[in-house]
Amino acid sequence: MKRLAIFVSGSGTNMQRIANYFSSHPDIEVSLVVCNNPDAGAIARAESLGIPLMMIDKNSFKDPVSLIEKLYKRQIDWIILAGFLWLIPKALIQAYPNKIVNIHPALLPAYGGKGMYGEKVHQAVIHNGEKQSGITIHFVNELYDDGAIIFQQQLELQADETPESLARRIHELEYKHFPEVIAQLVLKN
């Protein structure tokens, strides 16, 4: 059995979709949710799904030796970032080489980097008159949104697109593709 830890900062809709996708999978399970925001909606979602929750703070995350030990103790094989907004420290990347995956709500390398997340991405895409946007699933390295691209799916912007409508359409792509791509990655590695 391959065990996933999902790192979250926000509402947890992607985490919930991933957990539901793997709820009866014979070879992969969501074993842990790691959250850095005590007000995150993801906390209630994890509890309702019966997934163990671990809260982390900024100080312990900067020196993640204890976190890594806890992940190893729980036999976590992969880390999935699903709306997790902190930069992953080098030690954690070294502990999980090519086993940390993120999703970004744009077609990287465009509209990535520090501070580019959620609604900010969609506002920038529309403001700049882009004709397309989409999602990027990528490995995590020591820079924001810079790791090797695993998968991209694009969509055409509509003439009357708003940040809110684009966010809804991007979420649908995330919900459809993220669990499938995770499954393919985990099963072949």
N, C-alpha and C. Protein backbone atom coordinates (compact mmCIF):
# COMPACT_ATOMS: atom_id res chain seq x y z
N MET A 1 0.84 -1.19 0.00
CA MET A 1 0.00 0.00 0.00
C MET A 1 0.88 1.24 0.00
N LYS A 2 0.63 2.15 -0.92
CA LYS A 2 1.32 3.44 -0.96
C LYS A 2 0.48 4.45 -0.19
N ARG A 3 1.16 5.20 0.68
CA ARG A 3 0.46 6.14 1.56
C ARG A 3 0.77 7.58 1.17
N LEU A 4 -0.30 8.37 1.04
CA LEU A 4 -0.18 9.78 0.68
C LEU A 4 -0.42 10.66 1.89
N ALA A 5 0.36 11.74 1.98
CA ALA A 5 0.06 12.84 2.90
C ALA A 5 -0.30 14.03 2.03
N ILE A 6 -1.44 14.63 2.30
CA ILE A 6 -1.87 15.80 1.53
C ILE A 6 -1.67 17.04 2.40
N PHE A 7 -0.89 17.98 1.88
CA PHE A 7 -0.62 19.24 2.57
C PHE A 7 -1.60 20.29 2.06
N VAL A 8 -2.27 20.99 2.99
CA VAL A 8 -3.30 21.97 2.64
C VAL A 8 -3.16 23.25 3.46
N SER A 9 -3.69 24.33 2.91
CA SER A 9 -3.75 25.60 3.62
C SER A 9 -5.15 26.19 3.62
N GLY A 10 -6.02 25.71 2.74
CA GLY A 10 -7.31 26.38 2.54
C GLY A 10 -8.52 25.49 2.74
N SER A 11 -9.46 25.58 1.81
CA SER A 11 -10.76 24.93 1.97
C SER A 11 -10.70 23.41 1.87
N GLY A 12 -9.74 22.88 1.12
CA GLY A 12 -9.57 21.44 1.07
C GLY A 12 -10.43 20.72 0.05
N THR A 13 -10.95 21.44 -0.95
CA THR A 13 -11.79 20.76 -1.94
C THR A 13 -10.99 19.76 -2.76
N ASN A 14 -9.77 20.11 -3.16
CA ASN A 14 -8.95 19.15 -3.90
C ASN A 14 -8.57 17.97 -3.01
N MET A 15 -8.24 18.24 -1.76
CA MET A 15 -7.91 17.16 -0.81
C MET A 15 -9.09 16.19 -0.71
N GLN A 16 -10.29 16.73 -0.60
CA GLN A 16 -11.46 15.87 -0.47
C GLN A 16 -11.67 15.03 -1.74
N ARG A 17 -11.49 15.62 -2.90
CA ARG A 17 -11.63 14.87 -4.15
C ARG A 17 -10.59 13.75 -4.25
N ILE A 18 -9.37 14.07 -3.86
CA ILE A 18 -8.31 13.06 -3.89
C ILE A 18 -8.63 11.93 -2.91
N ALA A 19 -9.03 12.29 -1.70
CA ALA A 19 -9.36 11.27 -0.69
C ALA A 19 -10.52 10.40 -1.16
N ASN A 20 -11.54 11.01 -1.73
CA ASN A 20 -12.67 10.23 -2.23
C ASN A 20 -12.24 9.29 -3.37
N TYR A 21 -11.39 9.80 -4.24
CA TYR A 21 -10.91 9.01 -5.38
C TYR A 21 -10.19 7.74 -4.90
N PHE A 22 -9.40 7.88 -3.84
CA PHE A 22 -8.61 6.74 -3.36
C PHE A 22 -9.28 5.97 -2.21
N SER A 23 -10.51 6.33 -1.85
CA SER A 23 -11.14 5.74 -0.67
C SER A 23 -11.27 4.22 -0.74
N SER A 24 -11.41 3.68 -1.93
CA SER A 24 -11.50 2.23 -2.04
C SER A 24 -10.44 1.66 -2.98
N HIS A 25 -9.37 2.42 -3.18
CA HIS A 25 -8.29 1.97 -4.06
C HIS A 25 -7.50 0.85 -3.37
N PRO A 26 -7.19 -0.21 -4.10
CA PRO A 26 -6.50 -1.34 -3.46
C PRO A 26 -5.02 -1.08 -3.14
N ASP A 27 -4.40 -0.07 -3.78
CA ASP A 27 -2.96 0.10 -3.63
C ASP A 27 -2.52 1.47 -3.11
N ILE A 28 -3.45 2.42 -3.00
CA ILE A 28 -3.10 3.79 -2.59
C ILE A 28 -4.13 4.27 -1.58
N GLU A 29 -3.63 4.94 -0.52
CA GLU A 29 -4.57 5.54 0.44
C GLU A 29 -4.07 6.91 0.88
N VAL A 30 -5.01 7.77 1.21
CA VAL A 30 -4.67 9.04 1.84
C VAL A 30 -4.59 8.76 3.33
N SER A 31 -3.37 8.83 3.87
CA SER A 31 -3.13 8.43 5.26
C SER A 31 -3.04 9.60 6.22
N LEU A 32 -2.85 10.81 5.68
CA LEU A 32 -2.61 11.95 6.56
C LEU A 32 -2.92 13.25 5.81
N VAL A 33 -3.48 14.21 6.54
CA VAL A 33 -3.61 15.57 6.05
C VAL A 33 -2.76 16.45 6.95
N VAL A 34 -1.89 17.24 6.33
CA VAL A 34 -1.02 18.16 7.06
C VAL A 34 -1.48 19.57 6.73
N CYS A 35 -1.78 20.36 7.77
CA CYS A 35 -2.36 21.69 7.56
C CYS A 35 -1.58 22.74 8.34
N ASN A 36 -1.39 23.90 7.72
CA ASN A 36 -0.67 24.99 8.36
C ASN A 36 -1.56 26.16 8.74
N ASN A 37 -2.87 26.01 8.61
CA ASN A 37 -3.79 27.12 8.86
C ASN A 37 -4.90 26.65 9.79
N PRO A 38 -4.92 27.13 11.03
CA PRO A 38 -5.93 26.66 11.98
C PRO A 38 -7.36 27.04 11.59
N ASP A 39 -7.52 27.94 10.63
CA ASP A 39 -8.86 28.33 10.17
C ASP A 39 -9.25 27.66 8.85
N ALA A 40 -8.45 26.75 8.36
CA ALA A 40 -8.70 26.13 7.06
C ALA A 40 -9.94 25.24 7.09
N GLY A 41 -10.73 25.34 6.04
CA GLY A 41 -11.88 24.46 5.88
C GLY A 41 -11.47 23.01 5.71
N ALA A 42 -10.24 22.80 5.28
CA ALA A 42 -9.73 21.44 5.08
C ALA A 42 -9.73 20.63 6.37
N ILE A 43 -9.64 21.29 7.51
CA ILE A 43 -9.62 20.58 8.80
C ILE A 43 -10.92 19.80 9.00
N ALA A 44 -12.05 20.48 8.82
CA ALA A 44 -13.35 19.81 8.98
C ALA A 44 -13.53 18.73 7.92
N ARG A 45 -13.05 18.98 6.71
CA ARG A 45 -13.16 17.97 5.65
C ARG A 45 -12.37 16.71 6.02
N ALA A 46 -11.14 16.90 6.51
CA ALA A 46 -10.32 15.75 6.90
C ALA A 46 -11.00 14.97 8.02
N GLU A 47 -11.52 15.70 9.02
CA GLU A 47 -12.19 15.04 10.14
C GLU A 47 -13.41 14.26 9.66
N SER A 48 -14.21 14.85 8.75
CA SER A 48 -15.41 14.17 8.27
C SER A 48 -15.06 12.93 7.45
N LEU A 49 -13.89 12.94 6.83
CA LEU A 49 -13.44 11.78 6.05
C LEU A 49 -12.71 10.74 6.91
N GLY A 50 -12.47 11.09 8.17
CA GLY A 50 -11.77 10.17 9.07
C GLY A 50 -10.28 10.05 8.78
N ILE A 51 -9.70 11.09 8.19
CA ILE A 51 -8.27 11.07 7.87
C ILE A 51 -7.52 11.77 8.99
N PRO A 52 -6.48 11.15 9.54
CA PRO A 52 -5.70 11.81 10.59
C PRO A 52 -5.18 13.17 10.12
N LEU A 53 -5.16 14.12 11.04
CA LEU A 53 -4.76 15.49 10.76
C LEU A 53 -3.55 15.86 11.60
N MET A 54 -2.59 16.51 10.97
CA MET A 54 -1.42 17.03 11.69
C MET A 54 -1.32 18.53 11.39
N MET A 55 -1.32 19.33 12.44
CA MET A 55 -1.15 20.78 12.29
C MET A 55 0.33 21.11 12.40
N ILE A 56 0.79 22.05 11.58
CA ILE A 56 2.19 22.48 11.63
C ILE A 56 2.24 24.01 11.71
N ASP A 57 3.32 24.52 12.29
CA ASP A 57 3.51 25.97 12.33
C ASP A 57 4.77 26.33 11.55
N LYS A 58 4.92 27.63 11.31
CA LYS A 58 6.02 28.12 10.47
C LYS A 58 7.39 27.75 11.03
N ASN A 59 7.58 27.88 12.33
CA ASN A 59 8.89 27.59 12.93
C ASN A 59 9.30 26.14 12.76
N SER A 60 8.38 25.22 13.03
CA SER A 60 8.72 23.81 12.89
C SER A 60 8.89 23.42 11.42
N PHE A 61 8.23 24.14 10.53
CA PHE A 61 8.33 23.81 9.11
C PHE A 61 9.66 24.25 8.52
N LYS A 62 10.22 25.34 9.03
CA LYS A 62 11.51 25.82 8.53
C LYS A 62 12.64 24.83 8.84
N ASP A 63 12.49 24.10 9.95
CA ASP A 63 13.46 23.06 10.32
C ASP A 63 12.66 21.75 10.46
N PRO A 64 12.40 21.08 9.34
CA PRO A 64 11.38 20.03 9.32
C PRO A 64 11.83 18.65 9.78
N VAL A 65 12.91 18.56 10.54
CA VAL A 65 13.40 17.24 10.96
C VAL A 65 12.30 16.46 11.69
N SER A 66 11.62 17.11 12.60
CA SER A 66 10.56 16.44 13.36
C SER A 66 9.41 16.03 12.43
N LEU A 67 9.04 16.90 11.50
CA LEU A 67 7.98 16.57 10.55
C LEU A 67 8.38 15.36 9.70
N ILE A 68 9.60 15.35 9.21
CA ILE A 68 10.07 14.23 8.40
C ILE A 68 10.01 12.93 9.21
N GLU A 69 10.43 12.98 10.46
CA GLU A 69 10.37 11.80 11.32
C GLU A 69 8.93 11.30 11.47
N LYS A 70 8.00 12.24 11.65
CA LYS A 70 6.59 11.87 11.79
C LYS A 70 6.04 11.26 10.49
N LEU A 71 6.45 11.81 9.35
CA LEU A 71 6.01 11.26 8.06
C LEU A 71 6.57 9.86 7.85
N TYR A 72 7.84 9.68 8.19
CA TYR A 72 8.46 8.35 8.08
C TYR A 72 7.78 7.35 9.01
N LYS A 73 7.49 7.80 10.23
CA LYS A 73 6.84 6.92 11.20
C LYS A 73 5.47 6.45 10.70
N ARG A 74 4.80 7.31 9.97
CA ARG A 74 3.49 6.95 9.40
C ARG A 74 3.62 6.26 8.04
N GLN A 75 4.86 6.02 7.64
CA GLN A 75 5.17 5.33 6.38
C GLN A 75 4.59 6.05 5.16
N ILE A 76 4.68 7.37 5.17
CA ILE A 76 4.21 8.18 4.04
C ILE A 76 5.18 8.02 2.88
N ASP A 77 4.62 7.69 1.72
CA ASP A 77 5.43 7.47 0.51
C ASP A 77 5.47 8.70 -0.39
N TRP A 78 4.38 9.45 -0.44
CA TRP A 78 4.25 10.61 -1.33
C TRP A 78 3.63 11.78 -0.58
N ILE A 79 4.04 12.98 -0.94
CA ILE A 79 3.44 14.20 -0.42
C ILE A 79 2.75 14.91 -1.58
N ILE A 80 1.49 15.24 -1.38
CA ILE A 80 0.69 15.92 -2.40
C ILE A 80 0.32 17.29 -1.85
N LEU A 81 0.69 18.34 -2.58
CA LEU A 81 0.33 19.69 -2.19
C LEU A 81 -0.98 20.06 -2.90
N ALA A 82 -2.00 20.34 -2.11
CA ALA A 82 -3.31 20.67 -2.66
C ALA A 82 -3.76 22.00 -2.05
N GLY A 83 -3.23 23.08 -2.60
CA GLY A 83 -3.52 24.39 -2.05
C GLY A 83 -2.68 24.70 -0.82
N PHE A 84 -1.46 24.21 -0.80
CA PHE A 84 -0.54 24.48 0.30
C PHE A 84 0.36 25.63 -0.13
N LEU A 85 0.42 26.70 0.69
CA LEU A 85 1.01 27.96 0.22
C LEU A 85 2.42 28.23 0.70
N TRP A 86 3.01 27.37 1.50
CA TRP A 86 4.38 27.61 1.96
C TRP A 86 5.39 26.94 1.04
N LEU A 87 6.54 27.57 0.91
CA LEU A 87 7.64 27.01 0.15
C LEU A 87 8.19 25.78 0.89
N ILE A 88 8.38 24.70 0.16
CA ILE A 88 8.83 23.45 0.78
C ILE A 88 10.33 23.53 1.06
N PRO A 89 10.74 23.26 2.30
CA PRO A 89 12.17 23.34 2.65
C PRO A 89 13.00 22.24 1.98
N LYS A 90 14.25 22.57 1.77
CA LYS A 90 15.19 21.67 1.09
C LYS A 90 15.24 20.29 1.76
N ALA A 91 15.26 20.26 3.08
CA ALA A 91 15.36 18.98 3.79
C ALA A 91 14.18 18.06 3.47
N LEU A 92 12.99 18.62 3.34
CA LEU A 92 11.82 17.81 3.02
C LEU A 92 11.89 17.31 1.57
N ILE A 93 12.36 18.16 0.68
CA ILE A 93 12.53 17.74 -0.72
C ILE A 93 13.56 16.61 -0.82
N GLN A 94 14.63 16.73 -0.04
CA GLN A 94 15.66 15.67 -0.05
C GLN A 94 15.13 14.38 0.57
N ALA A 95 14.25 14.49 1.54
CA ALA A 95 13.69 13.30 2.18
C ALA A 95 12.69 12.58 1.27
N TYR A 96 12.09 13.33 0.34
CA TYR A 96 11.11 12.78 -0.60
C TYR A 96 11.45 13.19 -2.03
N PRO A 97 12.59 12.72 -2.56
CA PRO A 97 13.00 13.13 -3.90
C PRO A 97 12.02 12.62 -4.97
N ASN A 98 11.54 13.55 -5.78
CA ASN A 98 10.57 13.23 -6.84
C ASN A 98 9.33 12.52 -6.31
N LYS A 99 8.98 12.84 -5.07
CA LYS A 99 7.79 12.26 -4.45
C LYS A 99 6.91 13.35 -3.83
N ILE A 100 7.15 14.61 -4.22
CA ILE A 100 6.31 15.71 -3.78
C ILE A 100 5.73 16.34 -5.04
N VAL A 101 4.40 16.42 -5.09
CA VAL A 101 3.70 16.86 -6.29
C VAL A 101 2.76 18.02 -5.92
N ASN A 102 2.71 19.01 -6.80
CA ASN A 102 1.86 20.17 -6.59
C ASN A 102 0.96 20.37 -7.80
N ILE A 103 -0.14 21.08 -7.59
CA ILE A 103 -0.99 21.51 -8.69
C ILE A 103 -1.06 23.02 -8.67
N HIS A 104 -1.02 23.62 -9.88
CA HIS A 104 -1.06 25.08 -10.00
C HIS A 104 -2.17 25.46 -10.98
N PRO A 105 -2.94 26.51 -10.66
CA PRO A 105 -4.09 26.86 -11.49
C PRO A 105 -3.76 27.74 -12.71
N ALA A 106 -2.69 27.42 -13.40
CA ALA A 106 -2.32 28.12 -14.63
C ALA A 106 -1.38 27.21 -15.41
N LEU A 107 -1.08 27.63 -16.62
CA LEU A 107 -0.16 26.87 -17.47
C LEU A 107 1.25 27.37 -17.22
N LEU A 108 1.93 26.71 -16.29
CA LEU A 108 3.31 27.10 -15.99
C LEU A 108 4.18 26.92 -17.23
N PRO A 109 5.20 27.74 -17.41
CA PRO A 109 5.81 28.62 -16.41
C PRO A 109 5.12 29.97 -16.24
N ALA A 110 4.10 30.25 -17.03
CA ALA A 110 3.38 31.53 -16.89
C ALA A 110 2.56 31.54 -15.60
N TYR A 111 2.50 32.69 -14.96
CA TYR A 111 1.65 32.94 -13.80
C TYR A 111 1.97 32.04 -12.60
N GLY A 112 3.26 31.76 -12.43
CA GLY A 112 3.70 31.02 -11.26
C GLY A 112 4.59 31.88 -10.40
N GLY A 113 5.04 31.31 -9.30
CA GLY A 113 5.97 32.00 -8.42
C GLY A 113 5.31 32.48 -7.14
N LYS A 114 6.12 33.05 -6.28
CA LYS A 114 5.66 33.52 -4.97
C LYS A 114 4.49 34.50 -5.12
N GLY A 115 3.45 34.26 -4.38
CA GLY A 115 2.29 35.15 -4.39
C GLY A 115 1.29 34.87 -5.49
N MET A 116 1.61 33.95 -6.39
CA MET A 116 0.68 33.63 -7.48
C MET A 116 -0.08 32.36 -7.14
N TYR A 117 -1.26 32.56 -6.59
CA TYR A 117 -2.12 31.43 -6.24
C TYR A 117 -3.56 31.87 -6.32
N GLY A 118 -4.45 30.91 -6.50
CA GLY A 118 -5.89 31.16 -6.47
C GLY A 118 -6.34 32.30 -7.35
N GLU A 119 -7.16 33.14 -6.78
CA GLU A 119 -7.79 34.25 -7.49
C GLU A 119 -6.77 35.20 -8.12
N LYS A 120 -5.62 35.36 -7.49
CA LYS A 120 -4.58 36.25 -8.03
C LYS A 120 -4.13 35.78 -9.41
N VAL A 121 -4.02 34.48 -9.59
CA VAL A 121 -3.64 33.92 -10.88
C VAL A 121 -4.71 34.24 -11.92
N HIS A 122 -5.95 33.99 -11.58
CA HIS A 122 -7.04 34.19 -12.54
C HIS A 122 -7.20 35.66 -12.92
N GLN A 123 -7.03 36.54 -11.94
CA GLN A 123 -7.09 37.98 -12.23
C GLN A 123 -6.00 38.38 -13.21
N ALA A 124 -4.78 37.88 -12.99
CA ALA A 124 -3.66 38.22 -13.86
C ALA A 124 -3.87 37.68 -15.28
N VAL A 125 -4.36 36.46 -15.39
CA VAL A 125 -4.60 35.86 -16.70
C VAL A 125 -5.60 36.70 -17.49
N ILE A 126 -6.69 37.10 -16.86
CA ILE A 126 -7.72 37.89 -17.54
C ILE A 126 -7.21 39.31 -17.82
N HIS A 127 -6.56 39.92 -16.86
CA HIS A 127 -6.02 41.27 -17.02
C HIS A 127 -5.06 41.36 -18.22
N ASN A 128 -4.27 40.31 -18.42
CA ASN A 128 -3.29 40.30 -19.50
C ASN A 128 -3.86 39.86 -20.84
N GLY A 129 -5.16 39.61 -20.89
CA GLY A 129 -5.80 39.28 -22.16
C GLY A 129 -5.45 37.92 -22.73
N GLU A 130 -5.10 36.98 -21.86
CA GLU A 130 -4.76 35.64 -22.33
C GLU A 130 -5.98 34.98 -22.96
N LYS A 131 -5.72 34.13 -23.92
CA LYS A 131 -6.79 33.38 -24.59
C LYS A 131 -6.98 32.00 -23.97
N GLN A 132 -5.96 31.53 -23.24
CA GLN A 132 -6.01 30.21 -22.63
C GLN A 132 -5.49 30.26 -21.19
N SER A 133 -5.97 29.33 -20.42
CA SER A 133 -5.40 29.07 -19.11
C SER A 133 -5.51 27.57 -18.89
N GLY A 134 -5.32 27.13 -17.67
CA GLY A 134 -5.42 25.69 -17.41
C GLY A 134 -4.79 25.33 -16.10
N ILE A 135 -4.38 24.08 -16.01
CA ILE A 135 -3.74 23.57 -14.79
C ILE A 135 -2.40 22.96 -15.14
N THR A 136 -1.51 22.98 -14.17
CA THR A 136 -0.21 22.32 -14.28
C THR A 136 0.01 21.48 -13.04
N ILE A 137 0.33 20.22 -13.24
CA ILE A 137 0.73 19.34 -12.14
C ILE A 137 2.22 19.14 -12.31
N HIS A 138 2.97 19.39 -11.23
CA HIS A 138 4.43 19.36 -11.35
C HIS A 138 5.09 18.83 -10.09
N PHE A 139 6.33 18.34 -10.26
CA PHE A 139 7.13 17.99 -9.11
C PHE A 139 7.55 19.26 -8.40
N VAL A 140 7.83 19.14 -7.11
CA VAL A 140 8.21 20.29 -6.29
C VAL A 140 9.73 20.32 -6.13
N ASN A 141 10.29 21.50 -6.34
CA ASN A 141 11.70 21.71 -6.02
C ASN A 141 11.78 22.87 -5.03
N GLU A 142 12.94 23.50 -4.91
CA GLU A 142 13.14 24.51 -3.87
C GLU A 142 12.61 25.89 -4.24
N LEU A 143 12.01 26.03 -5.41
CA LEU A 143 11.43 27.31 -5.83
C LEU A 143 9.93 27.14 -6.03
N TYR A 144 9.20 28.24 -5.89
CA TYR A 144 7.77 28.18 -6.13
C TYR A 144 7.48 27.84 -7.59
N ASP A 145 6.66 26.83 -7.81
CA ASP A 145 6.12 26.50 -9.13
C ASP A 145 7.17 26.30 -10.20
N ASP A 146 8.31 25.71 -9.83
CA ASP A 146 9.44 25.62 -10.74
C ASP A 146 9.82 24.19 -11.10
N GLY A 147 9.27 23.20 -10.43
CA GLY A 147 9.68 21.81 -10.67
C GLY A 147 9.22 21.29 -12.02
N ALA A 148 9.76 20.15 -12.40
CA ALA A 148 9.46 19.54 -13.69
C ALA A 148 7.96 19.32 -13.86
N ILE A 149 7.46 19.68 -15.03
CA ILE A 149 6.04 19.55 -15.33
C ILE A 149 5.72 18.09 -15.63
N ILE A 150 4.67 17.60 -14.99
CA ILE A 150 4.19 16.23 -15.17
C ILE A 150 3.02 16.21 -16.15
N PHE A 151 2.11 17.18 -16.02
CA PHE A 151 0.85 17.17 -16.78
C PHE A 151 0.31 18.59 -16.88
N GLN A 152 -0.24 18.92 -18.04
CA GLN A 152 -0.96 20.18 -18.20
C GLN A 152 -2.25 19.92 -18.97
N GLN A 153 -3.28 20.67 -18.63
CA GLN A 153 -4.55 20.64 -19.37
C GLN A 153 -5.00 22.08 -19.52
N GLN A 154 -5.31 22.46 -20.75
CA GLN A 154 -5.68 23.85 -20.99
C GLN A 154 -7.16 23.98 -21.28
N LEU A 155 -7.63 25.19 -21.16
CA LEU A 155 -8.99 25.55 -21.56
C LEU A 155 -8.95 26.92 -22.22
N GLU A 156 -9.92 27.19 -23.05
CA GLU A 156 -10.04 28.47 -23.74
C GLU A 156 -10.83 29.41 -22.85
N LEU A 157 -10.35 30.65 -22.72
CA LEU A 157 -11.10 31.64 -21.96
C LEU A 157 -12.31 32.09 -22.78
N GLN A 158 -13.40 32.33 -22.09
CA GLN A 158 -14.62 32.81 -22.73
C GLN A 158 -14.58 34.33 -22.82
N ALA A 159 -15.33 34.88 -23.74
CA ALA A 159 -15.33 36.33 -23.96
C ALA A 159 -15.73 37.11 -22.71
N ASP A 160 -16.63 36.56 -21.93
CA ASP A 160 -17.13 37.25 -20.73
C ASP A 160 -16.53 36.67 -19.45
N GLU A 161 -15.35 36.07 -19.56
CA GLU A 161 -14.72 35.39 -18.42
C GLU A 161 -14.44 36.38 -17.28
N THR A 162 -14.74 35.94 -16.07
CA THR A 162 -14.41 36.68 -14.86
C THR A 162 -13.46 35.81 -14.03
N PRO A 163 -12.75 36.40 -13.07
CA PRO A 163 -11.92 35.56 -12.21
C PRO A 163 -12.72 34.44 -11.52
N GLU A 164 -13.95 34.74 -11.15
CA GLU A 164 -14.78 33.75 -10.48
C GLU A 164 -15.18 32.61 -11.42
N SER A 165 -15.58 32.97 -12.65
CA SER A 165 -15.97 31.92 -13.59
C SER A 165 -14.76 31.08 -14.00
N LEU A 166 -13.62 31.74 -14.17
CA LEU A 166 -12.40 31.01 -14.53
C LEU A 166 -11.99 30.08 -13.38
N ALA A 167 -12.11 30.56 -12.15
CA ALA A 167 -11.78 29.72 -10.99
C ALA A 167 -12.64 28.46 -10.98
N ARG A 168 -13.93 28.60 -11.22
CA ARG A 168 -14.82 27.43 -11.25
C ARG A 168 -14.40 26.44 -12.32
N ARG A 169 -14.08 26.94 -13.50
CA ARG A 169 -13.71 26.07 -14.62
C ARG A 169 -12.35 25.39 -14.35
N ILE A 170 -11.42 26.13 -13.76
CA ILE A 170 -10.11 25.56 -13.40
C ILE A 170 -10.28 24.48 -12.35
N HIS A 171 -11.13 24.74 -11.36
CA HIS A 171 -11.38 23.72 -10.31
C HIS A 171 -11.90 22.43 -10.93
N GLU A 172 -12.76 22.52 -11.91
CA GLU A 172 -13.28 21.31 -12.54
C GLU A 172 -12.15 20.51 -13.20
N LEU A 173 -11.20 21.21 -13.84
CA LEU A 173 -10.04 20.51 -14.40
C LEU A 173 -9.21 19.86 -13.31
N GLU A 174 -9.00 20.59 -12.20
CA GLU A 174 -8.24 20.04 -11.08
C GLU A 174 -8.91 18.78 -10.53
N TYR A 175 -10.21 18.87 -10.29
CA TYR A 175 -10.93 17.74 -9.70
C TYR A 175 -10.88 16.52 -10.61
N LYS A 176 -10.95 16.74 -11.91
CA LYS A 176 -10.93 15.63 -12.85
C LYS A 176 -9.54 15.00 -12.98
N HIS A 177 -8.51 15.82 -13.13
CA HIS A 177 -7.21 15.30 -13.52
C HIS A 177 -6.24 15.01 -12.36
N PHE A 178 -6.30 15.78 -11.27
CA PHE A 178 -5.29 15.63 -10.23
C PHE A 178 -5.27 14.21 -9.64
N PRO A 179 -6.42 13.66 -9.22
CA PRO A 179 -6.37 12.30 -8.66
C PRO A 179 -5.86 11.26 -9.67
N GLU A 180 -6.26 11.40 -10.93
CA GLU A 180 -5.83 10.44 -11.96
C GLU A 180 -4.32 10.50 -12.17
N VAL A 181 -3.76 11.71 -12.23
CA VAL A 181 -2.33 11.86 -12.43
C VAL A 181 -1.56 11.33 -11.22
N ILE A 182 -2.06 11.60 -10.02
CA ILE A 182 -1.43 11.06 -8.81
C ILE A 182 -1.40 9.53 -8.88
N ALA A 183 -2.52 8.93 -9.24
CA ALA A 183 -2.58 7.47 -9.31
C ALA A 183 -1.56 6.92 -10.30
N GLN A 184 -1.47 7.54 -11.47
CA GLN A 184 -0.51 7.08 -12.47
C GLN A 184 0.93 7.19 -11.96
N LEU A 185 1.25 8.30 -11.33
CA LEU A 185 2.60 8.51 -10.80
C LEU A 185 2.95 7.49 -9.72
N VAL A 186 2.06 7.35 -8.77
CA VAL A 186 2.34 6.49 -7.62
C VAL A 186 2.45 5.02 -8.05
N LEU A 187 1.59 4.61 -8.95
CA LEU A 187 1.60 3.20 -9.36
C LEU A 187 2.80 2.83 -10.22
N LYS A 188 3.39 3.82 -10.90
CA LYS A 188 4.55 3.46 -11.73
C LYS A 188 5.88 3.69 -11.01
N ASN A 189 5.86 4.23 -9.81
CA ASN A 189 7.10 4.48 -9.05
C ASN A 189 7.08 3.70 -7.75
